[in-house]
Protein backbone atom coordinates (compact mmCIF):
# COMPACT_ATOMS: atom_id res chain seq x y z
CA MET A 1 19.30 4.34 1.86
CA ALA A 2 15.62 4.36 0.67
CA ARG A 3 13.28 1.63 1.90
CA VAL A 4 12.29 -1.20 -0.60
CA TYR A 5 8.79 -2.13 -0.45
CA ASP A 6 7.65 -5.76 -2.11
CA TRP A 7 4.76 -4.66 -4.52
CA THR A 8 2.10 -6.12 -6.91
CA GLU A 9 -0.46 -4.85 -9.59
CA ASP A 10 -2.46 -8.13 -8.99
CA GLU A 11 -5.65 -7.05 -6.94
CA ASP A 12 -6.23 -10.78 -5.95
CA GLU A 13 -2.64 -11.08 -4.40
CA ILE A 14 -2.54 -10.81 -0.55
CA ALA A 15 0.26 -11.04 1.84
CA SER A 16 -1.20 -12.87 4.93
CA ASP A 17 2.21 -11.07 7.03
CA ALA A 18 1.62 -7.85 6.06
CA VAL A 19 0.13 -4.62 6.11
CA THR A 20 -0.81 -3.46 2.67
CA VAL A 21 -1.15 0.08 1.41
CA GLY A 22 -3.14 0.06 -1.82
CA ILE A 23 -2.57 3.19 -4.61
CA ARG A 24 -5.03 4.09 -6.72
CA SER A 25 -6.19 7.31 -8.76
CA ASP A 26 -8.46 7.98 -11.50
CA THR A 27 -5.56 9.80 -13.64
CA ARG A 28 -5.50 7.12 -16.42
CA ILE A 29 -9.09 7.58 -17.32
CA LEU A 30 -8.90 11.07 -16.90
CA THR A 31 -5.72 11.60 -19.21
CA ILE A 32 -7.36 9.04 -21.76
CA ALA A 33 -10.24 11.72 -21.74
CA GLY A 34 -8.13 14.99 -21.90
CA LEU A 35 -9.08 16.15 -18.68
CA GLN A 36 -6.92 17.10 -15.78
CA PHE A 37 -4.65 14.41 -13.65
CA GLY A 38 -6.64 12.91 -10.70
CA ALA A 39 -5.19 12.42 -7.28
CA ARG A 40 -3.47 9.82 -5.83
CA GLU A 41 -5.22 7.82 -2.84
CA ALA A 42 -4.20 5.34 -0.28
CA ILE A 43 -6.08 2.37 1.58
CA ILE A 44 -4.93 0.48 4.12
CA TYR A 45 -5.80 -3.01 4.29
CA TRP A 46 -4.44 -5.83 7.25
CA PRO A 47 -5.27 -9.31 7.53
CA ASP A 48 -6.56 -11.22 10.91
CA TRP A 49 -2.97 -10.91 12.87
CA SER A 50 -1.43 -12.32 15.87
CA ALA A 51 2.18 -12.22 17.06
CA ASP A 52 2.89 -12.94 20.75
CA ASP A 53 0.47 -10.72 23.02
CA SER A 54 -0.90 -8.40 20.14
CA SER A 55 -3.55 -9.34 17.75
CA ILE A 56 -5.68 -7.81 15.47
CA GLU A 57 -8.77 -8.13 13.37
CA ALA A 58 -8.75 -7.82 9.72
CA ALA A 59 -9.86 -4.22 8.60
CA LEU A 60 -9.69 -1.37 6.23
CA GLU A 61 -8.67 2.57 6.16
CA GLY A 62 -9.03 4.87 3.82
CA PRO A 63 -8.97 6.54 1.50
CA MET A 64 -5.84 9.18 2.74
CA PRO A 65 -3.13 10.71 0.89
CA VAL A 66 -0.50 8.10 0.06
CA GLU A 67 2.55 9.72 2.79
CA SER A 68 -0.49 9.34 5.30
CA ALA A 69 -1.14 5.77 4.36
CA LEU A 70 2.52 4.71 4.36
CA LYS A 71 2.79 6.37 8.03
CA ARG A 72 0.01 4.24 9.45
CA ALA A 73 0.89 1.20 7.95
CA ASP A 74 4.45 1.54 9.87
CA GLU A 75 2.59 2.45 13.01
CA LEU A 76 0.31 -0.94 12.42
CA CYS A 77 3.33 -3.10 11.43
CA ALA A 78 5.12 -1.89 14.71
CA ARG A 79 2.40 -2.00 17.52
CA HIS A 80 0.84 -5.30 16.28
CA ARG A 81 4.06 -6.86 15.09
CA PHE A 82 3.40 -7.57 11.51
CA ASN A 83 6.31 -8.68 9.42
CA ARG A 84 6.31 -5.77 6.87
CA VAL A 85 4.37 -3.09 4.76
CA VAL A 86 3.68 -3.84 1.33
CA ILE A 87 2.19 -1.89 -2.05
CA TRP A 88 -0.48 -2.78 -4.60
CA LEU A 89 -0.36 -0.18 -6.73
CA GLN A 90 -3.56 -0.04 -9.64
CA HIS A 91 -0.78 0.59 -12.24
CA ARG A 92 2.78 1.00 -11.69
CA GLU A 93 3.11 4.53 -12.75
CA LEU A 94 1.38 5.81 -9.67
CA TRP A 95 4.59 5.08 -7.81
CA ASP A 96 6.84 8.33 -6.62
CA MET A 97 10.17 7.41 -5.73
CA ARG A 98 10.15 9.84 -2.78
CA TRP A 99 8.11 7.61 -1.01
CA GLY A 100 10.77 4.77 -1.12
CA THR A 101 11.77 2.06 -3.99
CA LEU A 102 9.70 -0.98 -5.22
CA ALA A 103 11.49 -4.20 -5.17
CA SER A 104 12.95 -5.22 -8.79
CA VAL A 105 10.48 -8.13 -9.04
CA GLN A 106 6.73 -7.39 -8.69
CA GLY A 107 5.14 -9.88 -6.26
CA LEU A 108 4.17 -10.36 -2.66
């Protein structure tokens, strides 16, 4: 069964209990200009977090390939006991179903 991620396109929406993988691309602008597609890239963000004997300060990593970001987010989630990994998309069309499934309703 494919993993289901909570997600948003609202860049101001923050999940305080999660590692967020942000996925962006310059594809839309390049397509409008009639140029080649741009590459998708991801950035990982996590808030200040404490759980049991683990704590971490807020930080950002990336950019990096999306697959690498999802793997790193899972590692951070496990190591620091975040509750989940969530997705921020610059626009919905950037999601690739090979990475998992997005929740049917947008929102974190």
